[in-house]
Amino acid sequence: SMSTGGTGVFIALPIFMVAFTLHYNAAKYYGEMVNRTPGWLLAVVVTAFGIVTVLYAATAVAGYVLFADDTCSDILLNFARNDPAAVVARVALS
C-alpha cells in the first residue's frame, strides 16, 4: 500500500528514475556515427522519452485502477504465481 505516509515516494522515485535512465553508451554511439546530425539524434531521444513516458504512465495508472490501495511496489506480486501474463512478464524482466 502506498498510504504509509512519505515512504511511497521513496519506493516510487527509484523505480521512476530507472525507467528514464539514459543509456551510458549513447554519447559514444553518437561520436562513432558517420553522418552526425544533431537534430536527428534529438528527435530520436525525444521520441524515445515520449514512448517511455506514455508506457510508464499507462502501466502505473492501470496497476492502480486494477488494485487501488492494495497495489504492491512490485506490481507482479499482485498477480497469482501461475497467471500466464505475469509469468511472461517475470521471464521478460529476467
PDB file of N, CA and C in Angstrom:
ATOM      1  N   SER A   1       0.832  -1.184   0.000  1.00  0.00           N
ATOM      2  CA  SER A   1       0.000   0.000   0.000  1.00  0.00           C
ATOM      3  C   SER A   1       0.877   1.247   0.000  1.00  0.00           C
ATOM      4  N   MET A   2       0.469   2.245  -0.749  1.00  0.00           N
ATOM      5  CA  MET A   2       1.233   3.479  -0.830  1.00  0.00           C
ATOM      6  C   MET A   2       0.741   4.490   0.204  1.00  0.00           C
ATOM      7  N   SER A   3      -0.142   4.095   1.111  1.00  0.00           N
ATOM      8  CA  SER A   3      -0.704   5.019   2.086  1.00  0.00           C
ATOM      9  C   SER A   3       0.088   5.030   3.383  1.00  0.00           C
ATOM     10  N   THR A   4       1.380   4.813   3.325  1.00  0.00           N
ATOM     11  CA  THR A   4       2.214   4.774   4.522  1.00  0.00           C
ATOM     12  C   THR A   4       2.988   6.073   4.684  1.00  0.00           C
ATOM     13  N   GLY A   5       2.332   7.198   4.438  1.00  0.00           N
ATOM     14  CA  GLY A   5       2.994   8.488   4.578  1.00  0.00           C
ATOM     15  C   GLY A   5       3.913   8.758   3.414  1.00  0.00           C
ATOM     16  N   GLY A   6       5.093   9.310   3.702  1.00  0.00           N
ATOM     17  CA  GLY A   6       6.036   9.693   2.674  1.00  0.00           C
ATOM     18  C   GLY A   6       6.850   8.541   2.127  1.00  0.00           C
ATOM     19  N   THR A   7       6.726   7.355   2.703  1.00  0.00           N
ATOM     20  CA  THR A   7       7.562   6.245   2.241  1.00  0.00           C
ATOM     21  C   THR A   7       7.242   5.828   0.821  1.00  0.00           C
ATOM     22  N   GLY A   8       6.036   6.081   0.352  1.00  0.00           N
ATOM     23  CA  GLY A   8       5.671   5.725  -1.013  1.00  0.00           C
ATOM     24  C   GLY A   8       6.550   6.434  -2.030  1.00  0.00           C
ATOM     25  N   VAL A   9       6.945   7.660  -1.723  1.00  0.00           N
ATOM     26  CA  VAL A   9       7.820   8.420  -2.610  1.00  0.00           C
ATOM     27  C   VAL A   9       9.178   7.732  -2.705  1.00  0.00           C
ATOM     28  N   PHE A  10       9.672   7.222  -1.589  1.00  0.00           N
ATOM     29  CA  PHE A  10      10.978   6.570  -1.581  1.00  0.00           C
ATOM     30  C   PHE A  10      10.955   5.230  -2.302  1.00  0.00           C
ATOM     31  N   ILE A  11       9.787   4.666  -2.469  1.00  0.00           N
ATOM     32  CA  ILE A  11       9.646   3.432  -3.237  1.00  0.00           C
ATOM     33  C   ILE A  11       9.479   3.764  -4.720  1.00  0.00           C
ATOM     34  N   ALA A  12       8.645   4.747  -5.014  1.00  0.00           N
ATOM     35  CA  ALA A  12       8.321   5.070  -6.407  1.00  0.00           C
ATOM     36  C   ALA A  12       9.442   5.812  -7.128  1.00  0.00           C
ATOM     37  N   LEU A  13      10.142   6.696  -6.445  1.00  0.00           N
ATOM     38  CA  LEU A  13      11.152   7.514  -7.107  1.00  0.00           C
ATOM     39  C   LEU A  13      12.275   6.694  -7.746  1.00  0.00           C
ATOM     40  N   PRO A  14      12.866   5.703  -7.065  1.00  0.00           N
ATOM     41  CA  PRO A  14      13.901   4.911  -7.733  1.00  0.00           C
ATOM     42  C   PRO A  14      13.379   4.150  -8.952  1.00  0.00           C
ATOM     43  N   ILE A  15      12.160   3.650  -8.862  1.00  0.00           N
ATOM     44  CA  ILE A  15      11.577   2.932  -9.993  1.00  0.00           C
ATOM     45  C   ILE A  15      11.404   3.891 -11.168  1.00  0.00           C
ATOM     46  N   PHE A  16      10.903   5.078 -10.873  1.00  0.00           N
ATOM     47  CA  PHE A  16      10.711   6.099 -11.900  1.00  0.00           C
ATOM     48  C   PHE A  16      12.040   6.494 -12.528  1.00  0.00           C
ATOM     49  N   MET A  17      13.065   6.681 -11.713  1.00  0.00           N
ATOM     50  CA  MET A  17      14.373   7.095 -12.217  1.00  0.00           C
ATOM     51  C   MET A  17      14.994   6.026 -13.122  1.00  0.00           C
ATOM     52  N   VAL A  18      14.875   4.759 -12.754  1.00  0.00           N
ATOM     53  CA  VAL A  18      15.430   3.683 -13.583  1.00  0.00           C
ATOM     54  C   VAL A  18      14.702   3.629 -14.927  1.00  0.00           C
ATOM     55  N   ALA A  19      13.401   3.874 -14.916  1.00  0.00           N
ATOM     56  CA  ALA A  19      12.633   3.842 -16.163  1.00  0.00           C
ATOM     57  C   ALA A  19      13.134   4.900 -17.147  1.00  0.00           C
ATOM     58  N   PHE A  20      13.696   5.993 -16.645  1.00  0.00           N
ATOM     59  CA  PHE A  20      14.122   7.083 -17.505  1.00  0.00           C
ATOM     60  C   PHE A  20      15.639   7.244 -17.561  1.00  0.00           C
ATOM     61  N   THR A  21      16.390   6.222 -17.180  1.00  0.00           N
ATOM     62  CA  THR A  21      17.840   6.290 -17.234  1.00  0.00           C
ATOM     63  C   THR A  21      18.305   6.213 -18.686  1.00  0.00           C
ATOM     64  N   LEU A  22      19.134   7.169 -19.053  1.00  0.00           N
ATOM     65  CA  LEU A  22      19.693   7.145 -20.407  1.00  0.00           C
ATOM     66  C   LEU A  22      20.775   6.086 -20.480  1.00  0.00           C
ATOM     67  N   HIS A  23      20.938   5.515 -21.625  1.00  0.00           N
ATOM     68  CA  HIS A  23      21.968   4.500 -21.789  1.00  0.00           C
ATOM     69  C   HIS A  23      23.323   5.180 -21.808  1.00  0.00           C
ATOM     70  N   TYR A  24      24.253   4.679 -21.037  1.00  0.00           N
ATOM     71  CA  TYR A  24      25.556   5.337 -20.893  1.00  0.00           C
ATOM     72  C   TYR A  24      26.387   5.328 -22.166  1.00  0.00           C
ATOM     73  N   ASN A  25      26.064   4.501 -23.140  1.00  0.00           N
ATOM     74  CA  ASN A  25      26.823   4.457 -24.391  1.00  0.00           C
ATOM     75  C   ASN A  25      26.274   5.395 -25.463  1.00  0.00           C
ATOM     76  N   ALA A  26      25.223   6.129 -25.177  1.00  0.00           N
ATOM     77  CA  ALA A  26      24.609   6.980 -26.208  1.00  0.00           C
ATOM     78  C   ALA A  26      25.601   7.986 -26.780  1.00  0.00           C
ATOM     79  N   ALA A  27      26.393   8.632 -25.933  1.00  0.00           N
ATOM     80  CA  ALA A  27      27.371   9.615 -26.427  1.00  0.00           C
ATOM     81  C   ALA A  27      28.431   8.945 -27.296  1.00  0.00           C
ATOM     82  N   LYS A  28      28.846   7.745 -26.916  1.00  0.00           N
ATOM     83  CA  LYS A  28      29.850   7.016 -27.699  1.00  0.00           C
ATOM     84  C   LYS A  28      29.282   6.652 -29.071  1.00  0.00           C
ATOM     85  N   TYR A  29      28.057   6.167 -29.086  1.00  0.00           N
ATOM     86  CA  TYR A  29      27.428   5.810 -30.365  1.00  0.00           C
ATOM     87  C   TYR A  29      27.318   7.047 -31.262  1.00  0.00           C
ATOM     88  N   TYR A  30      26.921   8.152 -30.676  1.00  0.00           N
ATOM     89  CA  TYR A  30      26.788   9.384 -31.454  1.00  0.00           C
ATOM     90  C   TYR A  30      28.143   9.794 -32.035  1.00  0.00           C
ATOM     91  N   GLY A  31      29.211   9.678 -31.231  1.00  0.00           N
ATOM     92  CA  GLY A  31      30.547  10.034 -31.685  1.00  0.00           C
ATOM     93  C   GLY A  31      31.042   9.155 -32.817  1.00  0.00           C
ATOM     94  N   GLU A  32      30.582   7.914 -32.881  1.00  0.00           N
ATOM     95  CA  GLU A  32      31.020   6.975 -33.914  1.00  0.00           C
ATOM     96  C   GLU A  32      30.176   7.035 -35.184  1.00  0.00           C
ATOM     97  N   MET A  33      29.096   7.802 -35.148  1.00  0.00           N
ATOM     98  CA  MET A  33      28.245   7.898 -36.332  1.00  0.00           C
ATOM     99  C   MET A  33      28.968   8.629 -37.449  1.00  0.00           C
ATOM    100  N   VAL A  34      28.830   8.143 -38.673  1.00  0.00           N
ATOM    101  CA  VAL A  34      29.472   8.760 -39.828  1.00  0.00           C
ATOM    102  C   VAL A  34      28.748  10.055 -40.203  1.00  0.00           C
ATOM    103  N   ASN A  35      27.453   9.982 -40.309  1.00  0.00           N
ATOM    104  CA  ASN A  35      26.651  11.153 -40.665  1.00  0.00           C
ATOM    105  C   ASN A  35      25.953  11.689 -39.423  1.00  0.00           C
ATOM    106  N   ARG A  36      26.673  12.468 -38.619  1.00  0.00           N
ATOM    107  CA  ARG A  36      26.100  13.009 -37.394  1.00  0.00           C
ATOM    108  C   ARG A  36      25.184  14.180 -37.706  1.00  0.00           C
ATOM    109  N   THR A  37      23.967  14.052 -37.274  1.00  0.00           N
ATOM    110  CA  THR A  37      23.007  15.127 -37.427  1.00  0.00           C
ATOM    111  C   THR A  37      22.372  15.359 -36.057  1.00  0.00           C
ATOM    112  N   PRO A  38      22.765  16.432 -35.364  1.00  0.00           N
ATOM    113  CA  PRO A  38      22.242  16.664 -34.015  1.00  0.00           C
ATOM    114  C   PRO A  38      20.718  16.696 -33.959  1.00  0.00           C
ATOM    115  N   GLY A  39      20.078  17.256 -34.962  1.00  0.00           N
ATOM    116  CA  GLY A  39      18.616  17.308 -34.980  1.00  0.00           C
ATOM    117  C   GLY A  39      17.997  15.917 -35.013  1.00  0.00           C
ATOM    118  N   TRP A  40      18.630  15.022 -35.742  1.00  0.00           N
ATOM    119  CA  TRP A  40      18.132  13.647 -35.840  1.00  0.00           C
ATOM    120  C   TRP A  40      18.240  12.944 -34.494  1.00  0.00           C
ATOM    121  N   LEU A  41      19.381  13.093 -33.825  1.00  0.00           N
ATOM    122  CA  LEU A  41      19.564  12.469 -32.516  1.00  0.00           C
ATOM    123  C   LEU A  41      18.568  13.032 -31.511  1.00  0.00           C
ATOM    124  N   LEU A  42      18.360  14.329 -31.545  1.00  0.00           N
ATOM    125  CA  LEU A  42      17.387  14.949 -30.646  1.00  0.00           C
ATOM    126  C   LEU A  42      15.992  14.384 -30.890  1.00  0.00           C
ATOM    127  N   ALA A  43      15.634  14.219 -32.156  1.00  0.00           N
ATOM    128  CA  ALA A  43      14.315  13.671 -32.490  1.00  0.00           C
ATOM    129  C   ALA A  43      14.171  12.244 -31.971  1.00  0.00           C
ATOM    130  N   VAL A  44      15.233  11.451 -32.091  1.00  0.00           N
ATOM    131  CA  VAL A  44      15.193  10.067 -31.603  1.00  0.00           C
ATOM    132  C   VAL A  44      15.040  10.045 -30.084  1.00  0.00           C
ATOM    133  N   VAL A  45      15.801  10.883 -29.390  1.00  0.00           N
ATOM    134  CA  VAL A  45      15.746  10.924 -27.927  1.00  0.00           C
ATOM    135  C   VAL A  45      14.373  11.389 -27.445  1.00  0.00           C
ATOM    136  N   VAL A  46      13.857  12.442 -28.047  1.00  0.00           N
ATOM    137  CA  VAL A  46      12.541  12.956 -27.653  1.00  0.00           C
ATOM    138  C   VAL A  46      11.465  11.914 -27.925  1.00  0.00           C
ATOM    139  N   THR A  47      11.533  11.241 -29.062  1.00  0.00           N
ATOM    140  CA  THR A  47      10.561  10.196 -29.391  1.00  0.00           C
ATOM    141  C   THR A  47      10.643   9.047 -28.400  1.00  0.00           C
ATOM    142  N   ALA A  48      11.864   8.620 -28.086  1.00  0.00           N
ATOM    143  CA  ALA A  48      12.039   7.508 -27.134  1.00  0.00           C
ATOM    144  C   ALA A  48      11.492   7.883 -25.766  1.00  0.00           C
ATOM    145  N   PHE A  49      11.809   9.091 -25.284  1.00  0.00           N
ATOM    146  CA  PHE A  49      11.292   9.525 -23.987  1.00  0.00           C
ATOM    147  C   PHE A  49       9.773   9.630 -24.014  1.00  0.00           C
ATOM    148  N   GLY A  50       9.224  10.094 -25.118  1.00  0.00           N
ATOM    149  CA  GLY A  50       7.770  10.180 -25.233  1.00  0.00           C
ATOM    150  C   GLY A  50       7.114   8.814 -25.138  1.00  0.00           C
ATOM    151  N   ILE A  51       7.675   7.833 -25.841  1.00  0.00           N
ATOM    152  CA  ILE A  51       7.130   6.470 -25.806  1.00  0.00           C
ATOM    153  C   ILE A  51       7.239   5.888 -24.398  1.00  0.00           C
ATOM    154  N   VAL A  52       8.400   6.052 -23.765  1.00  0.00           N
ATOM    155  CA  VAL A  52       8.603   5.525 -22.417  1.00  0.00           C
ATOM    156  C   VAL A  52       7.653   6.196 -21.423  1.00  0.00           C
ATOM    157  N   THR A  53       7.464   7.509 -21.572  1.00  0.00           N
ATOM    158  CA  THR A  53       6.569   8.227 -20.663  1.00  0.00           C
ATOM    159  C   THR A  53       5.141   7.712 -20.777  1.00  0.00           C
ATOM    160  N   VAL A  54       4.667   7.539 -21.991  1.00  0.00           N
ATOM    161  CA  VAL A  54       3.301   7.032 -22.201  1.00  0.00           C
ATOM    162  C   VAL A  54       3.153   5.618 -21.650  1.00  0.00           C
ATOM    163  N   LEU A  55       4.108   4.741 -21.948  1.00  0.00           N
ATOM    164  CA  LEU A  55       4.032   3.365 -21.447  1.00  0.00           C
ATOM    165  C   LEU A  55       4.113   3.311 -19.929  1.00  0.00           C
ATOM    166  N   TYR A  56       5.008   4.084 -19.343  1.00  0.00           N
ATOM    167  CA  TYR A  56       5.169   4.099 -17.895  1.00  0.00           C
ATOM    168  C   TYR A  56       3.900   4.601 -17.220  1.00  0.00           C
ATOM    169  N   ALA A  57       3.356   5.697 -17.722  1.00  0.00           N
ATOM    170  CA  ALA A  57       2.139   6.265 -17.137  1.00  0.00           C
ATOM    171  C   ALA A  57       0.960   5.313 -17.300  1.00  0.00           C
ATOM    172  N   ALA A  58       0.828   4.692 -18.463  1.00  0.00           N
ATOM    173  CA  ALA A  58      -0.281   3.756 -18.686  1.00  0.00           C
ATOM    174  C   ALA A  58      -0.180   2.559 -17.747  1.00  0.00           C
ATOM    175  N   THR A  59       1.016   2.053 -17.555  1.00  0.00           N
ATOM    176  CA  THR A  59       1.210   0.914 -16.657  1.00  0.00           C
ATOM    177  C   THR A  59       0.906   1.300 -15.220  1.00  0.00           C
ATOM    178  N   ALA A  60       1.386   2.465 -14.800  1.00  0.00           N
ATOM    179  CA  ALA A  60       1.150   2.917 -13.428  1.00  0.00           C
ATOM    180  C   ALA A  60      -0.337   3.135 -13.166  1.00  0.00           C
ATOM    181  N   VAL A  61      -1.013   3.801 -14.077  1.00  0.00           N
ATOM    182  CA  VAL A  61      -2.441   4.065 -13.900  1.00  0.00           C
ATOM    183  C   VAL A  61      -3.240   2.764 -13.943  1.00  0.00           C
ATOM    184  N   ALA A  62      -2.920   1.888 -14.884  1.00  0.00           N
ATOM    185  CA  ALA A  62      -3.648   0.613 -14.981  1.00  0.00           C
ATOM    186  C   ALA A  62      -3.451  -0.224 -13.727  1.00  0.00           C
ATOM    187  N   GLY A  63      -2.245  -0.255 -13.197  1.00  0.00           N
ATOM    188  CA  GLY A  63      -1.991  -1.001 -11.965  1.00  0.00           C
ATOM    189  C   GLY A  63      -2.787  -0.451 -10.802  1.00  0.00           C
ATOM    190  N   TYR A  64      -2.833   0.865 -10.689  1.00  0.00           N
ATOM    191  CA  TYR A  64      -3.584   1.464  -9.589  1.00  0.00           C
ATOM    192  C   TYR A  64      -5.086   1.274  -9.767  1.00  0.00           C
ATOM    193  N   VAL A  65      -5.574   1.407 -10.993  1.00  0.00           N
ATOM    194  CA  VAL A  65      -7.008   1.211 -11.241  1.00  0.00           C
ATOM    195  C   VAL A  65      -7.407  -0.228 -10.927  1.00  0.00           C
ATOM    196  N   LEU A  66      -6.541  -1.164 -11.271  1.00  0.00           N
ATOM    197  CA  LEU A  66      -6.848  -2.578 -11.045  1.00  0.00           C
ATOM    198  C   LEU A  66      -6.791  -2.962  -9.571  1.00  0.00           C
ATOM    199  N   PHE A  67      -5.786  -2.463  -8.840  1.00  0.00           N
ATOM    200  CA  PHE A  67      -5.588  -2.912  -7.458  1.00  0.00           C
ATOM    201  C   PHE A  67      -5.799  -1.837  -6.402  1.00  0.00           C
ATOM    202  N   ALA A  68      -5.959  -0.589  -6.780  1.00  0.00           N
ATOM    203  CA  ALA A  68      -6.165   0.554  -5.869  1.00  0.00           C
ATOM    204  C   ALA A  68      -5.095   0.580  -4.783  1.00  0.00           C
ATOM    205  N   ASP A  69      -5.484   0.729  -3.540  1.00  0.00           N
ATOM    206  CA  ASP A  69      -4.521   0.850  -2.441  1.00  0.00           C
ATOM    207  C   ASP A  69      -3.802  -0.453  -2.122  1.00  0.00           C
ATOM    208  N   ASP A  70      -4.233  -1.557  -2.702  1.00  0.00           N
ATOM    209  CA  ASP A  70      -3.575  -2.846  -2.471  1.00  0.00           C
ATOM    210  C   ASP A  70      -2.429  -3.095  -3.455  1.00  0.00           C
ATOM    211  N   THR A  71      -2.092  -2.092  -4.277  1.00  0.00           N
ATOM    212  CA  THR A  71      -1.015  -2.242  -5.247  1.00  0.00           C
ATOM    213  C   THR A  71       0.312  -2.419  -4.518  1.00  0.00           C
ATOM    214  N   CYS A  72       1.017  -3.502  -4.835  1.00  0.00           N
ATOM    215  CA  CYS A  72       2.343  -3.741  -4.258  1.00  0.00           C
ATOM    216  C   CYS A  72       3.379  -2.901  -4.998  1.00  0.00           C
ATOM    217  N   SER A  73       4.506  -2.636  -4.339  1.00  0.00           N
ATOM    218  CA  SER A  73       5.558  -1.867  -5.010  1.00  0.00           C
ATOM    219  C   SER A  73       6.080  -2.617  -6.231  1.00  0.00           C
ATOM    220  N   ASP A  74       6.056  -3.943  -6.202  1.00  0.00           N
ATOM    221  CA  ASP A  74       6.344  -4.773  -7.371  1.00  0.00           C
ATOM    222  C   ASP A  74       4.986  -5.262  -7.866  1.00  0.00           C
ATOM    223  N   ILE A  75       4.490  -4.648  -8.909  1.00  0.00           N
ATOM    224  CA  ILE A  75       3.130  -4.920  -9.398  1.00  0.00           C
ATOM    225  C   ILE A  75       2.892  -6.396  -9.674  1.00  0.00           C
ATOM    226  N   LEU A  76       3.941  -7.144 -10.024  1.00  0.00           N
ATOM    227  CA  LEU A  76       3.772  -8.561 -10.338  1.00  0.00           C
ATOM    228  C   LEU A  76       3.399  -9.377  -9.106  1.00  0.00           C
ATOM    229  N   LEU A  77       3.657  -8.851  -7.917  1.00  0.00           N
ATOM    230  CA  LEU A  77       3.263  -9.558  -6.695  1.00  0.00           C
ATOM    231  C   LEU A  77       1.752  -9.551  -6.495  1.00  0.00           C
ATOM    232  N   ASN A  78       1.044  -8.693  -7.214  1.00  0.00           N
ATOM    233  CA  ASN A  78      -0.409  -8.653  -7.121  1.00  0.00           C
ATOM    234  C   ASN A  78      -1.076  -9.767  -7.935  1.00  0.00           C
ATOM    235  N   PHE A  79      -0.327 -10.437  -8.772  1.00  0.00           N
ATOM    236  CA  PHE A  79      -0.879 -11.491  -9.613  1.00  0.00           C
ATOM    237  C   PHE A  79      -0.506 -12.863  -9.069  1.00  0.00           C
ATOM    238  N   ALA A  80      -1.317 -13.852  -9.387  1.00  0.00           N
ATOM    239  CA  ALA A  80      -1.027 -15.224  -8.964  1.00  0.00           C
ATOM    240  C   ALA A  80       0.261 -15.707  -9.616  1.00  0.00           C
ATOM    241  N   ARG A  81       0.953 -16.600  -8.939  1.00  0.00           N
ATOM    242  CA  ARG A  81       2.226 -17.119  -9.462  1.00  0.00           C
ATOM    243  C   ARG A  81       2.061 -17.803 -10.815  1.00  0.00           C
ATOM    244  N   ASN A  82       0.904 -18.421 -11.054  1.00  0.00           N
ATOM    245  CA  ASN A  82       0.702 -19.158 -12.303  1.00  0.00           C
ATOM    246  C   ASN A  82      -0.107 -18.372 -13.337  1.00  0.00           C
ATOM    247  N   ASP A  83      -0.325 -17.089 -13.118  1.00  0.00           N
ATOM    248  CA  ASP A  83      -1.015 -16.252 -14.091  1.00  0.00           C
ATOM    249  C   ASP A  83      -0.127 -16.143 -15.335  1.00  0.00           C
ATOM    250  N   PRO A  84      -0.624 -16.579 -16.508  1.00  0.00           N
ATOM    251  CA  PRO A  84       0.213 -16.611 -17.716  1.00  0.00           C
ATOM    252  C   PRO A  84       0.849 -15.264 -18.070  1.00  0.00           C
ATOM    253  N   ALA A  85       0.084 -14.185 -17.991  1.00  0.00           N
ATOM    254  CA  ALA A  85       0.634 -12.870 -18.328  1.00  0.00           C
ATOM    255  C   ALA A  85       1.722 -12.469 -17.330  1.00  0.00           C
ATOM    256  N   ALA A  86       1.515 -12.757 -16.068  1.00  0.00           N
ATOM    257  CA  ALA A  86       2.511 -12.424 -15.045  1.00  0.00           C
ATOM    258  C   ALA A  86       3.761 -13.271 -15.223  1.00  0.00           C
ATOM    259  N   VAL A  87       3.597 -14.536 -15.614  1.00  0.00           N
ATOM    260  CA  VAL A  87       4.761 -15.394 -15.858  1.00  0.00           C
ATOM    261  C   VAL A  87       5.574 -14.839 -17.011  1.00  0.00           C
ATOM    262  N   VAL A  88       4.920 -14.430 -18.086  1.00  0.00           N
ATOM    263  CA  VAL A  88       5.617 -13.848 -19.237  1.00  0.00           C
ATOM    264  C   VAL A  88       6.350 -12.575 -18.798  1.00  0.00           C
ATOM    265  N   ALA A  89       5.698 -11.733 -18.008  1.00  0.00           N
ATOM    266  CA  ALA A  89       6.330 -10.504 -17.539  1.00  0.00           C
ATOM    267  C   ALA A  89       7.541 -10.804 -16.655  1.00  0.00           C
ATOM    268  N   ARG A  90       7.426 -11.810 -15.791  1.00  0.00           N
ATOM    269  CA  ARG A  90       8.552 -12.169 -14.924  1.00  0.00           C
ATOM    270  C   ARG A  90       9.737 -12.694 -15.739  1.00  0.00           C
ATOM    271  N   VAL A  91       9.449 -13.493 -16.767  1.00  0.00           N
ATOM    272  CA  VAL A  91      10.508 -14.005 -17.630  1.00  0.00           C
ATOM    273  C   VAL A  91      11.159 -12.856 -18.396  1.00  0.00           C
ATOM    274  N   ALA A  92      10.340 -11.922 -18.896  1.00  0.00           N
ATOM    275  CA  ALA A  92      10.871 -10.766 -19.637  1.00  0.00           C
ATOM    276  C   ALA A  92      11.776  -9.915 -18.748  1.00  0.00           C
ATOM    277  N   LEU A  93      11.417  -9.760 -17.482  1.00  0.00           N
ATOM    278  CA  LEU A  93      12.256  -8.995 -16.559  1.00  0.00           C
ATOM    279  C   LEU A  93      13.560  -9.704 -16.223  1.00  0.00           C
ATOM    280  N   SER A  94      13.544 -11.014 -16.346  1.00  0.00           N
ATOM    281  CA  SER A  94      14.756 -11.780 -16.051  1.00  0.00           C
ATOM    282  C   SER A  94      15.804 -11.524 -17.094  1.00  0.00           C
TER     283      SER A  94
END
